Protein backbone atom coordinates (compact mmCIF):
# COMPACT_ATOMS: atom_id res chain seq x y z
CA UNK A 1 58.04 162.00 83.70
CA UNK A 2 60.84 164.27 81.64
CA UNK A 3 64.30 165.77 82.56
CA UNK A 4 65.58 169.05 80.05
CA UNK A 5 68.37 171.28 80.66
CA UNK A 6 68.94 173.97 78.00
CA UNK A 7 71.88 174.29 76.19
CA UNK A 8 73.74 177.27 77.92
CA UNK A 9 73.34 174.63 81.58
CA UNK A 10 71.51 177.31 83.58
CA UNK A 11 68.10 175.35 83.61
CA UNK A 12 66.56 172.09 84.64
CA UNK A 13 63.60 171.19 84.55
CA UNK A 14 60.63 168.36 84.89
CA UNK A 15 57.91 167.45 83.61
CA UNK A 16 56.35 164.18 85.54
CA UNK A 17 54.32 163.19 82.27
CA UNK A 18 53.28 164.38 79.24
CA UNK A 19 50.77 167.42 78.79
CA UNK A 20 50.79 168.93 82.86
CA UNK A 21 52.18 171.48 83.35
CA UNK A 22 56.19 172.53 84.81
CA UNK A 23 56.61 170.35 87.62
CA UNK A 24 60.05 171.74 88.75
CA UNK A 25 61.91 174.56 87.69
CA UNK A 26 66.14 174.91 89.15
CA UNK A 27 68.11 177.92 87.20
CA UNK A 28 71.73 176.72 87.57
CA UNK A 29 74.15 179.46 88.53
CA UNK A 30 76.74 180.07 85.91
CA UNK A 31 79.78 179.72 88.62
CA UNK A 32 78.00 178.65 91.39
CA UNK A 33 75.73 176.45 93.26
CA UNK A 34 73.02 178.02 95.04
CA UNK A 35 70.56 177.36 98.11
CA UNK A 36 67.57 176.74 95.60
CA UNK A 37 68.95 173.95 93.37
CA UNK A 38 70.37 172.36 96.25
CA UNK A 39 67.04 171.91 97.76
CA UNK A 40 65.37 171.49 94.28
CA UNK A 41 68.00 168.40 94.06
CA UNK A 42 67.23 166.50 96.75
CA UNK A 43 63.70 167.05 96.08
CA UNK A 44 64.01 165.09 92.80
CA UNK A 45 66.08 162.62 94.14
CA UNK A 46 63.35 161.92 97.18
CA UNK A 47 60.83 161.60 94.34
CA UNK A 48 63.15 158.93 92.63
CA UNK A 49 63.56 156.66 95.19
CA UNK A 50 59.78 156.40 96.38
CA UNK A 51 59.36 156.09 92.55
CA UNK A 52 61.25 153.09 93.34
CA UNK A 53 60.50 151.42 96.15
CA UNK A 54 56.33 151.13 94.43
CA UNK A 55 57.83 148.84 91.76
CA UNK A 56 59.43 146.62 93.28
CA UNK A 57 56.66 146.55 96.04
CA UNK A 58 54.41 145.81 92.96
CA UNK A 59 57.68 143.08 91.85
CA UNK A 60 57.34 141.66 94.52
CA UNK A 61 53.71 141.56 95.61
CA UNK A 62 53.16 140.08 91.28
CA UNK A 63 55.73 137.13 91.98
CA UNK A 64 57.85 137.69 89.20
CA UNK A 65 60.55 135.07 88.98
CA UNK A 66 62.48 137.64 86.46
CA UNK A 67 63.26 141.17 86.60
CA UNK A 68 61.21 142.80 84.07
CA UNK A 69 61.24 146.48 85.33
CA UNK A 70 63.41 149.04 87.07
CA UNK A 71 61.61 147.68 90.67
CA UNK A 72 64.77 144.74 90.46
CA UNK A 73 66.58 147.71 90.67
CA UNK A 74 65.60 148.06 94.50
CA UNK A 75 65.12 144.40 94.87
CA UNK A 76 68.61 144.13 93.99
CA UNK A 77 70.67 146.80 95.51
CA UNK A 78 68.07 148.20 98.72
CA UNK A 79 69.49 145.17 100.73
CA UNK A 80 72.95 145.95 100.05
CA UNK A 81 72.97 149.73 100.37
CA UNK A 82 71.38 148.59 104.13
CA UNK A 83 73.67 146.35 104.83
CA UNK A 84 71.97 143.37 104.37
CA UNK A 85 71.35 140.13 102.66
CA UNK A 86 68.59 139.17 100.78
CA UNK A 87 66.72 136.16 102.67
CA UNK A 88 67.72 132.46 101.39
CA UNK A 89 64.54 130.63 100.07
CA UNK A 90 65.53 127.55 102.00
CA UNK A 91 64.59 127.27 105.36
CA UNK A 92 67.12 127.38 108.03
CA UNK A 93 67.63 124.16 110.16
CA UNK A 94 68.82 122.87 105.97
CA UNK A 95 71.55 124.74 106.17
CA UNK A 96 71.79 124.35 109.52
CA UNK A 97 71.96 119.95 109.83
CA UNK A 98 74.34 120.21 106.21
CA UNK A 99 76.73 122.07 107.88
CA UNK A 100 77.34 119.37 110.98
CA UNK A 101 79.92 116.96 109.62
CA UNK A 102 79.34 113.32 109.69
CA UNK A 103 81.84 110.98 110.29
CA UNK A 104 82.70 107.76 108.55
CA UNK A 105 81.97 105.39 111.05
CA UNK A 106 77.78 106.75 111.98
CA UNK A 107 77.15 105.59 107.93
CA UNK A 108 78.90 101.92 108.91
CA UNK A 109 76.01 99.08 108.95
CA UNK A 110 73.42 101.46 107.75
CA UNK A 111 70.73 100.06 105.64
CA UNK A 112 68.50 102.18 105.71
CA UNK A 113 70.78 105.21 103.99
CA UNK A 114 69.46 105.92 100.08
CA UNK A 115 71.65 104.44 97.78
CA UNK A 116 70.94 106.70 94.73
CA UNK A 117 68.84 109.76 94.08
CA UNK A 118 65.91 108.16 92.44
CA UNK A 119 66.08 106.38 96.05
CA UNK A 120 66.08 109.39 97.47
CA UNK A 121 63.22 110.76 95.47
CA UNK A 122 60.37 107.94 96.07
CA UNK A 123 61.23 107.61 100.10
CA UNK A 124 60.71 111.93 99.37
CA UNK A 125 56.98 111.23 97.48
CA UNK A 126 56.24 108.15 99.75
CA UNK A 127 57.23 109.15 103.43
CA UNK A 128 56.19 113.32 104.66
CA UNK A 129 59.54 114.35 105.51
CA UNK A 130 59.69 117.94 107.33
CA UNK A 131 62.41 120.29 106.77
CA UNK A 132 64.68 118.28 109.32
CA UNK A 133 64.80 115.05 108.24
CA UNK A 134 64.90 115.58 104.59
CA UNK A 135 68.55 117.95 105.12
CA UNK A 136 68.93 114.70 107.53
CA UNK A 137 68.39 112.31 104.62
CA UNK A 138 70.19 114.50 101.59
CA UNK A 139 73.55 114.72 103.80
CA UNK A 140 73.30 110.81 104.71
CA UNK A 141 73.20 110.16 101.12
CA UNK A 142 75.44 112.65 99.68
CA UNK A 143 78.45 111.57 102.55
CA UNK A 144 77.88 107.86 101.83
CA UNK A 145 78.35 108.62 97.94
CA UNK A 146 81.24 110.97 98.74
CA UNK A 147 82.94 107.32 99.96
CA UNK A 148 82.74 105.77 97.68
CA UNK A 149 83.52 107.81 94.98
CA UNK A 150 87.16 109.03 97.01
CA UNK A 151 87.39 105.07 97.93
CA UNK A 152 87.08 104.26 93.44
CA UNK A 153 89.30 106.66 93.33
CA UNK A 154 91.92 106.13 95.04
CA UNK A 155 91.50 102.23 93.48
CA UNK A 156 91.86 102.94 90.48
CA UNK A 157 95.07 105.44 91.09
CA UNK A 158 96.15 102.37 92.91
CA UNK A 159 95.50 100.06 89.90
CA UNK A 160 97.73 102.78 88.83
CA UNK A 161 100.43 102.82 89.93
CA UNK A 162 100.91 99.54 90.32
CA UNK A 163 100.64 98.76 86.55
CA UNK A 164 102.80 101.60 85.49
CA UNK A 165 105.31 100.05 88.16
CA UNK A 166 105.97 96.94 86.58
CA UNK A 167 107.09 95.79 83.82
CA UNK A 168 104.04 93.77 81.57
CA UNK A 169 105.02 90.28 80.20
CA UNK A 170 105.55 90.94 76.20
CA UNK A 171 108.45 93.57 77.17
CA UNK A 172 110.03 90.81 80.03
CA UNK A 173 109.49 88.64 77.14
CA UNK A 174 111.00 90.80 73.83
CA UNK A 175 113.90 91.19 76.62
CA UNK A 176 114.53 87.44 76.72
CA UNK A 177 114.15 86.68 73.66
CA UNK A 178 117.42 88.74 72.77
CA UNK A 179 119.12 88.21 75.13
CA UNK A 180 118.90 84.61 73.81
CA UNK A 181 119.37 85.20 70.88
CA UNK A 182 122.55 87.51 71.82
CA UNK A 183 123.96 84.50 73.06
CA UNK A 184 123.14 82.42 70.19
CA UNK A 185 123.84 84.47 67.20
CA UNK A 186 127.15 86.31 66.01
CA UNK A 187 125.03 88.57 64.34
CA UNK A 188 123.37 89.74 67.44
CA UNK A 189 126.44 90.80 68.50
CA UNK A 190 127.96 92.68 66.31
CA UNK A 191 130.03 96.12 67.08
CA UNK A 192 127.37 99.00 67.13
CA UNK A 193 128.47 101.30 65.26
CA UNK A 194 130.91 99.21 62.93
CA UNK A 195 134.59 100.17 62.67
CA UNK A 196 134.83 102.18 59.68
CA UNK A 197 131.84 104.36 61.70
CA UNK A 198 133.72 104.98 64.97
CA UNK A 199 135.39 108.11 63.87
CA UNK A 200 131.71 109.98 63.03
CA UNK A 201 130.96 109.11 67.19
CA UNK A 202 133.13 111.96 68.24
CA UNK A 203 132.82 114.17 64.94
CA UNK A 204 130.95 117.90 65.89
CA UNK A 205 129.68 117.67 62.22
CA UNK A 206 126.76 115.11 63.07
CA UNK A 207 123.70 115.50 64.42
CA UNK A 208 123.99 113.64 67.95
CA UNK A 209 120.85 112.45 70.20
CA UNK A 210 121.71 110.42 73.20
CA UNK A 211 118.91 108.76 75.04
CA UNK A 212 119.08 106.72 78.33
CA UNK A 213 116.39 103.65 78.71
CA UNK A 214 116.19 100.00 79.37
CA UNK A 215 113.22 99.79 77.49
CA UNK A 216 114.12 97.86 74.61
CA UNK A 217 111.10 98.19 72.60
CA UNK A 218 110.71 101.59 73.58
CA UNK A 219 113.81 102.94 72.58
CA UNK A 220 113.00 101.19 68.95
CA UNK A 221 110.14 103.33 68.75
CA UNK A 222 112.04 106.15 69.23
CA UNK A 223 114.59 105.45 66.78
CA UNK A 224 112.30 104.26 64.33
CA UNK A 225 111.00 108.02 64.72
CA UNK A 226 113.79 109.70 64.01
CA UNK A 227 115.16 108.20 60.97
CA UNK A 228 112.14 107.72 59.89
CA UNK A 229 112.01 111.21 59.73
CA UNK A 230 115.17 112.82 59.24
CA UNK A 231 115.39 114.34 55.73
CA UNK A 232 119.49 113.78 55.83
CA UNK A 233 118.91 110.28 58.27
CA UNK A 234 122.89 109.72 56.95
CA UNK A 235 124.37 112.68 58.96
CA UNK A 236 122.13 111.14 62.06
CA UNK A 237 124.09 109.88 65.55
CA UNK A 238 122.09 107.96 68.08
CA UNK A 239 123.64 107.39 71.31
CA UNK A 240 121.69 104.25 72.85
CA UNK A 241 123.12 104.39 77.14
CA UNK A 242 121.70 101.69 78.61
CA UNK A 243 122.26 99.37 81.99
CA UNK A 244 123.98 95.77 82.49
CA UNK A 245 121.23 94.02 82.33
CA UNK A 246 119.48 95.10 78.95
CA UNK A 247 122.70 96.19 77.10
CA UNK A 248 122.50 92.37 75.81
CA UNK A 249 119.39 92.41 74.17
CA UNK A 250 119.69 96.21 73.15
CA UNK A 251 122.38 95.51 71.18
CA UNK A 252 120.87 92.03 69.67
CA UNK A 253 118.08 94.54 68.50
CA UNK A 254 119.77 97.31 66.70
CA UNK A 255 121.98 94.93 65.50
CA UNK A 256 119.06 92.47 64.08
CA UNK A 257 117.37 95.96 62.81
CA UNK A 258 120.08 98.06 61.31
CA UNK A 259 118.57 101.45 61.01
CA UNK A 260 121.36 102.70 57.93
CA UNK A 261 122.17 105.40 57.02
CA UNK A 262 121.93 106.42 60.59
CA UNK A 263 125.15 105.68 63.28
CA UNK A 264 122.86 103.58 66.22
CA UNK A 265 125.89 103.28 69.28
CA UNK A 266 124.50 100.58 71.89
CA UNK A 267 126.59 101.40 75.30
CA UNK A 268 126.04 100.38 78.66
CA UNK A 269 127.04 103.05 81.16
CA UNK A 270 130.32 100.39 82.76
CA UNK A 271 131.69 100.51 79.06
CA UNK A 272 132.14 104.91 79.80
CA UNK A 273 135.84 105.12 80.92
CA UNK A 274 134.39 108.36 83.30
CA UNK A 275 131.49 106.37 84.78
CA UNK A 276 133.79 103.59 85.84
CA UNK A 277 136.68 105.16 87.15
CA UNK A 278 135.42 105.45 90.52
CA UNK A 279 132.85 107.41 92.95
CA UNK A 280 129.68 108.58 90.74
CA UNK A 281 127.39 111.68 93.00
CA UNK A 282 124.08 111.01 91.12
CA UNK A 283 124.42 107.04 92.29
CA UNK A 284 125.38 108.29 95.43
CA UNK A 285 122.34 110.22 96.04
CA UNK A 286 119.97 107.51 94.50
CA UNK A 287 121.27 105.46 97.21
CA UNK A 288 120.52 107.59 99.52
CA UNK A 289 117.58 108.55 98.06
CA UNK A 290 116.22 105.48 98.68
CA UNK A 291 116.36 104.38 102.10
CA UNK A 292 115.10 107.79 103.09
CA UNK A 293 112.33 106.78 100.81
CA UNK A 294 111.88 103.47 102.50
CA UNK A 295 112.11 104.74 105.99
CA UNK A 296 108.99 107.09 106.05
CA UNK A 297 106.61 106.51 103.33
CA UNK A 298 105.86 103.06 104.60
CA UNK A 299 104.57 101.76 100.46
CA UNK A 300 101.47 102.02 98.58
CA UNK A 301 99.04 100.54 101.62
CA UNK A 302 100.61 103.00 103.91
CA UNK A 303 99.67 105.54 100.69
CA UNK A 304 95.88 104.92 100.50
CA UNK A 305 95.11 103.64 103.57
CA UNK A 306 95.10 107.34 104.99
CA UNK A 307 91.16 108.77 105.40
CA UNK A 308 92.09 112.36 105.85
CA UNK A 309 94.22 113.20 102.11
CA UNK A 310 92.00 114.11 98.88
CA UNK A 311 92.57 111.64 96.13
CA UNK A 312 94.75 113.22 93.98
CA UNK A 313 97.41 114.03 96.69
CA UNK A 314 97.23 110.26 97.14
CA UNK A 315 98.03 109.88 92.98
CA UNK A 316 100.91 112.18 93.97
CA UNK A 317 102.24 109.51 96.70
CA UNK A 318 101.57 106.36 95.08
CA UNK A 319 103.93 108.07 92.20
CA UNK A 320 106.76 109.17 93.99
CA UNK A 321 107.02 105.19 94.68
CA UNK A 322 107.39 104.69 90.88
CA UNK A 323 110.79 102.57 89.91
CA UNK A 324 111.48 105.54 87.04
CA UNK A 325 112.21 108.49 89.48
CA UNK A 326 114.88 106.05 91.24
CA UNK A 327 116.60 104.84 87.77
CA UNK A 328 120.13 106.01 86.80
CA UNK A 329 118.46 106.10 83.56
CA UNK A 330 115.94 108.97 84.55
CA UNK A 331 119.28 110.80 85.99
CA UNK A 332 122.62 110.62 83.87
CA UNK A 333 121.42 113.32 81.43
CA UNK A 334 123.17 115.43 84.45
CA UNK A 335 126.36 113.94 83.98
CA UNK A 336 126.84 114.01 79.37
CA UNK A 337 129.41 116.84 79.42
CA UNK A 338 131.53 113.54 81.50
CA UNK A 339 130.38 111.27 79.50
CA UNK A 340 130.34 112.90 75.71
CA UNK A 341 133.70 114.62 76.04
CA UNK A 342 134.88 115.78 72.69
CA UNK A 343 130.74 116.65 71.96
CA UNK A 344 129.75 120.45 71.52
CA UNK A 345 126.02 119.83 71.59
CA UNK A 346 123.20 117.22 71.62
CA UNK A 347 119.59 116.65 71.71
CA UNK A 348 118.62 114.72 74.57
CA UNK A 349 115.29 112.37 74.22
CA UNK A 350 112.96 110.24 77.03
CA UNK A 351 112.78 106.76 75.69
CA UNK A 352 108.79 107.87 76.06
CA UNK A 353 108.40 110.14 73.24
CA UNK A 354 108.01 110.22 69.43
CA UNK A 355 109.80 112.23 66.53
CA UNK A 356 107.31 113.29 64.38
CA UNK A 357 109.11 115.77 62.04
CA UNK A 358 113.40 116.86 60.97
CA UNK A 359 114.92 117.32 63.90
CA UNK A 360 118.39 118.95 62.43
CA UNK A 361 116.81 122.47 62.50
CA UNK A 362 117.23 122.33 66.28
CA UNK A 363 120.73 122.61 65.35
CA UNK A 364 120.13 125.90 63.74
CA UNK A 365 118.31 127.58 66.32
CA UNK A 366 121.19 130.40 68.39
CA UNK A 367 121.25 129.66 72.22
CA UNK A 368 122.28 132.91 72.64
CA UNK A 369 124.94 130.97 75.53
CA UNK A 370 122.05 129.68 77.48
CA UNK A 371 123.35 125.58 77.57
CA UNK A 372 119.59 124.18 78.03
CA UNK A 373 117.08 124.03 74.86
CA UNK A 374 113.66 123.72 76.52
CA UNK A 375 109.61 124.26 76.39
CA UNK A 376 108.47 126.03 78.66
CA UNK A 377 105.66 125.24 80.55
CA UNK A 378 103.46 128.07 81.54
CA UNK A 379 102.10 129.53 78.61
CA UNK A 380 99.98 126.99 75.91
CA UNK A 381 96.34 126.80 75.54
CA UNK A 382 95.89 123.66 77.29
CA UNK A 383 95.82 125.00 80.99
CA UNK A 384 95.65 121.03 82.43
CA UNK A 385 99.90 120.92 80.46
CA UNK A 386 100.78 124.04 79.80
CA UNK A 387 100.19 126.01 83.02
CA UNK A 388 103.27 124.73 85.39
CA UNK A 389 105.21 127.01 87.46
CA UNK A 390 108.11 126.83 89.65
CA UNK A 391 105.46 126.28 92.35
CA UNK A 392 104.39 122.95 90.85
CA UNK A 393 107.19 121.53 91.72
CA UNK A 394 108.67 123.11 94.27
CA UNK A 395 107.55 123.69 98.10
CA UNK A 396 107.54 126.99 99.18
CA UNK A 397 106.82 126.04 102.29
CA UNK A 398 110.05 125.97 102.81
CA UNK A 399 113.03 128.15 103.56
CA UNK A 400 115.49 127.01 101.31
CA UNK A 401 113.30 127.41 98.17
CA UNK A 402 111.57 131.02 99.04
CA UNK A 403 114.63 132.20 99.92
CA UNK A 404 116.00 131.71 96.41
CA UNK A 405 113.28 131.17 93.97
CA UNK A 406 110.86 132.33 92.36
CA UNK A 407 107.29 130.61 92.81
CA UNK A 408 105.77 132.04 89.74
CA UNK A 409 109.25 132.04 87.21
CA UNK A 410 107.84 129.37 84.39
CA UNK A 411 108.96 125.89 83.97
CA UNK A 412 109.87 123.94 81.55
CA UNK A 413 110.05 120.20 79.76
CA UNK A 414 112.61 117.41 80.32
CA UNK A 415 111.98 115.29 77.21
CA UNK A 416 113.49 116.92 74.34
CA UNK A 417 115.87 119.29 75.47
CA UNK A 418 119.06 120.58 73.34
CA UNK A 419 121.99 120.35 75.95
CA UNK A 420 125.03 123.07 74.45
CA UNK A 421 128.11 120.37 76.10
CA UNK A 422 130.46 123.62 75.31
CA UNK A 423 128.39 125.87 77.24
CA UNK A 424 127.66 123.72 80.29
CA UNK A 425 131.20 122.73 81.26
CA UNK A 426 131.23 127.11 81.78
CA UNK A 427 129.16 126.22 83.99
CA UNK A 428 128.57 124.86 87.58
CA UNK A 429 125.00 123.74 86.74
CA UNK A 430 126.31 119.96 87.49
CA UNK A 431 127.53 120.74 90.51
CA UNK A 432 124.23 122.96 91.70
CA UNK A 433 121.99 119.96 91.25
CA UNK A 434 123.78 117.49 93.18
CA UNK A 435 123.96 120.01 96.24
CA UNK A 436 120.08 120.64 96.04
CA UNK A 437 120.26 116.33 95.96
CA UNK A 438 122.12 116.63 98.89
CA UNK A 439 119.83 119.37 100.50
CA UNK A 440 116.54 117.30 99.31
CA UNK A 441 117.56 114.58 101.51
CA UNK A 442 118.97 116.39 104.38
CA UNK A 443 115.31 117.91 104.68
CA UNK A 444 113.69 114.08 104.07
CA UNK A 445 112.40 115.00 100.89
CA UNK A 446 110.37 117.98 101.77
CA UNK A 447 111.89 120.71 98.69
CA UNK A 448 110.28 118.13 96.41
CA UNK A 449 109.01 114.66 96.22
CA UNK A 450 109.19 113.13 93.23
CA UNK A 451 111.21 113.24 89.88
CA UNK A 452 114.90 114.53 88.45
CA UNK A 453 112.76 118.14 87.15
CA UNK A 454 112.75 119.84 90.33
CA UNK A 455 116.75 119.49 90.35
CA UNK A 456 117.04 120.21 86.97
CA UNK A 457 114.36 123.60 87.28
CA UNK A 458 117.07 124.63 89.71
CA UNK A 459 119.83 123.50 88.41
CA UNK A 460 119.57 125.09 85.19
CA UNK A 461 118.06 128.26 86.28
CA UNK A 462 119.09 130.61 84.40
CA UNK A 463 120.29 128.62 81.70
CA UNK A 464 117.48 127.39 79.76
CA UNK A 465 116.98 128.85 76.37
CA UNK A 466 112.81 128.51 75.65
CA UNK A 467 112.37 127.22 72.61
CA UNK A 468 108.90 127.05 70.12
CA UNK A 469 106.27 124.57 71.29
CA UNK A 470 105.89 122.82 68.30
CA UNK A 471 108.75 120.89 69.46
CA UNK A 472 107.88 119.54 72.45
CA UNK A 473 104.05 118.18 72.61
CA UNK A 474 103.31 117.17 76.35
CA UNK A 475 100.85 115.31 79.04
CA UNK A 476 99.68 112.52 76.29
CA UNK A 477 100.26 109.47 78.98
CA UNK A 478 98.57 111.22 81.84
CA UNK A 479 95.49 113.42 80.03
CA UNK A 480 93.57 112.85 77.46
CA UNK A 481 92.41 116.16 76.82
CA UNK A 482 95.08 115.80 73.94
CA UNK A 483 93.05 115.36 70.23
CA UNK A 484 94.38 113.09 68.00
CA UNK A 485 94.71 115.98 65.51
CA UNK A 486 96.95 118.04 67.59
CA UNK A 487 99.18 115.21 68.65
CA UNK A 488 99.59 115.07 65.04
CA UNK A 489 100.70 118.76 64.12
CA UNK A 490 103.08 118.64 66.61
CA UNK A 491 107.41 118.03 65.84
CA UNK A 492 107.90 115.69 69.42
CA UNK A 493 104.79 113.98 71.32
CA UNK A 494 105.27 113.20 74.87
CA UNK A 495 103.35 110.31 76.43
CA UNK A 496 104.89 111.70 80.11
CA UNK A 497 102.74 110.14 82.59
CA UNK A 498 101.92 106.94 84.01
CA UNK A 499 99.93 106.19 80.65
CA UNK A 500 102.66 104.56 78.78
CA UNK A 501 101.55 103.60 75.22
CA UNK A 502 103.54 100.16 75.55
CA UNK A 503 101.08 99.69 78.62
CA UNK A 504 96.98 98.30 78.50
CA UNK A 505 96.48 101.80 80.14
CA UNK A 506 97.64 104.21 77.55
CA UNK A 507 94.68 105.88 75.80
CA UNK A 508 93.53 103.94 73.28
CA UNK A 509 93.16 107.24 70.76
CA UNK A 510 96.93 108.10 71.29
CA UNK A 511 98.25 104.84 71.25
CA UNK A 512 98.67 104.44 67.22
CA UNK A 513 100.70 107.33 67.17
CA UNK A 514 103.28 105.24 69.09
CA UNK A 515 102.49 102.05 67.34
CA UNK A 516 102.57 103.28 63.77
CA UNK A 517 106.76 102.39 64.16
CA UNK A 518 106.60 98.73 65.36
CA UNK A 519 106.56 96.30 63.00
CA UNK A 520 104.05 93.86 64.16
CA UNK A 521 105.33 91.57 61.58
CA UNK A 522 108.72 91.15 63.71
CA UNK A 523 109.34 87.31 64.82
CA UNK A 524 110.63 88.52 68.27
CA UNK A 525 107.82 91.37 68.40
CA UNK A 526 105.34 88.64 67.14
CA UNK A 527 106.58 86.37 68.95
CA UNK A 528 105.91 88.26 72.56
CA UNK A 529 102.27 89.04 71.14
CA UNK A 530 103.14 92.08 71.02
CA UNK A 531 99.71 93.77 69.81
CA UNK A 532 99.13 97.47 68.19
CA UNK A 533 96.64 97.75 70.51
């Protein structure tokens, strides 16, 4: 069939094939459509539809599995145009059986359910099953395997929770040995820093870093990696904040392992005048938070025994029980302006990071009057790590949250942050932080469930300056998709998540990035059997 349109668009001629006389000839008016044109157009489309229908029928009769002719157009579009769906090749009875719910108790004690796909196929081949019996067997086997997979996942999450929440015996050994050394060796009790270097602690011409940790080994790695990668280590000052019980081991370690020419200060919280004066809002909030959690969470056993929630929900609830979320070391960053009243700018580092580049260029970043320089977590290439928005952390089904914030606004990361303390002191960030922590307690922790980042996202809202992602690569502690090559190109890597590099559950391909900053021949490290892998 051929269609010919004249150059003037006044004639349309249709031929059914080569060498056949003119079949339809339509004269098109210049300015109007004639009845004759309408009639021939309808006749043409009627012929075309009948032609498509015949080809479609031929395809169906031939039983072709692949569409190779224009007949596919009839098979695909015809039923949809007529408002119908193509009939499925699967018998309806199978759908009816598979859609029926199957209770967990119905499978208890059953020994006739196939345990593997191989057993199921053998039974199907050896027994002539009708469609309904086939569907029943398939539903039972799949349901049983789903139950076992769910239980295995929950057990994995529980074991990881226990492993990440407890102190490894090697780290406990290290703290005890250092505490003993502190009490018996005068060299382990040296003042940090030495008296002649004390003025540098408040000198804003230096690069000041703050680390809050009760983990000696983790703090040692952060300090070693920071100083070893510094181009001007003599201008670096690291302020290490710890708690009362860890102060002696921490002081002993850095007294016996100096990082000169960098300057190291080790102080416990009770050494800060501001902290020792009286009531500290974050401490009061932590005490209330702990009481609320103990009243309604019921512990890990209650969380794991829930048979209705999905495994990833149970994993999130287990994570809320982690001691770090109720640790003063995790909350103290909100009081940096009070803890360091003489400093104008600091870089705050978590103890699960590793520095791989010189960080002095961070002081050259123009913060544009903002308080917090941080990496955004919603625009990176890694969807699993860099896809976090406010709705990922805050409960937008609660009116207090939904009325004040945009769920699709980009989140940012704690772990490596530039804080302009001078600009901070002109804001009400700390007051806002404590206000929302109190609101969360009043609502039985329904505004968010874990961590210091959610109230931080609220308190620093509008005060964040976005910095280059090079300065902070996240996720090395909760997913293993990050390759070693990619991690090596980042300025700072962060093992946030359960799989901390000092634990046995760390991802083995990523742990060497952390372990390279430990001297495993050191007598304290070697004596506590701390190994590279």
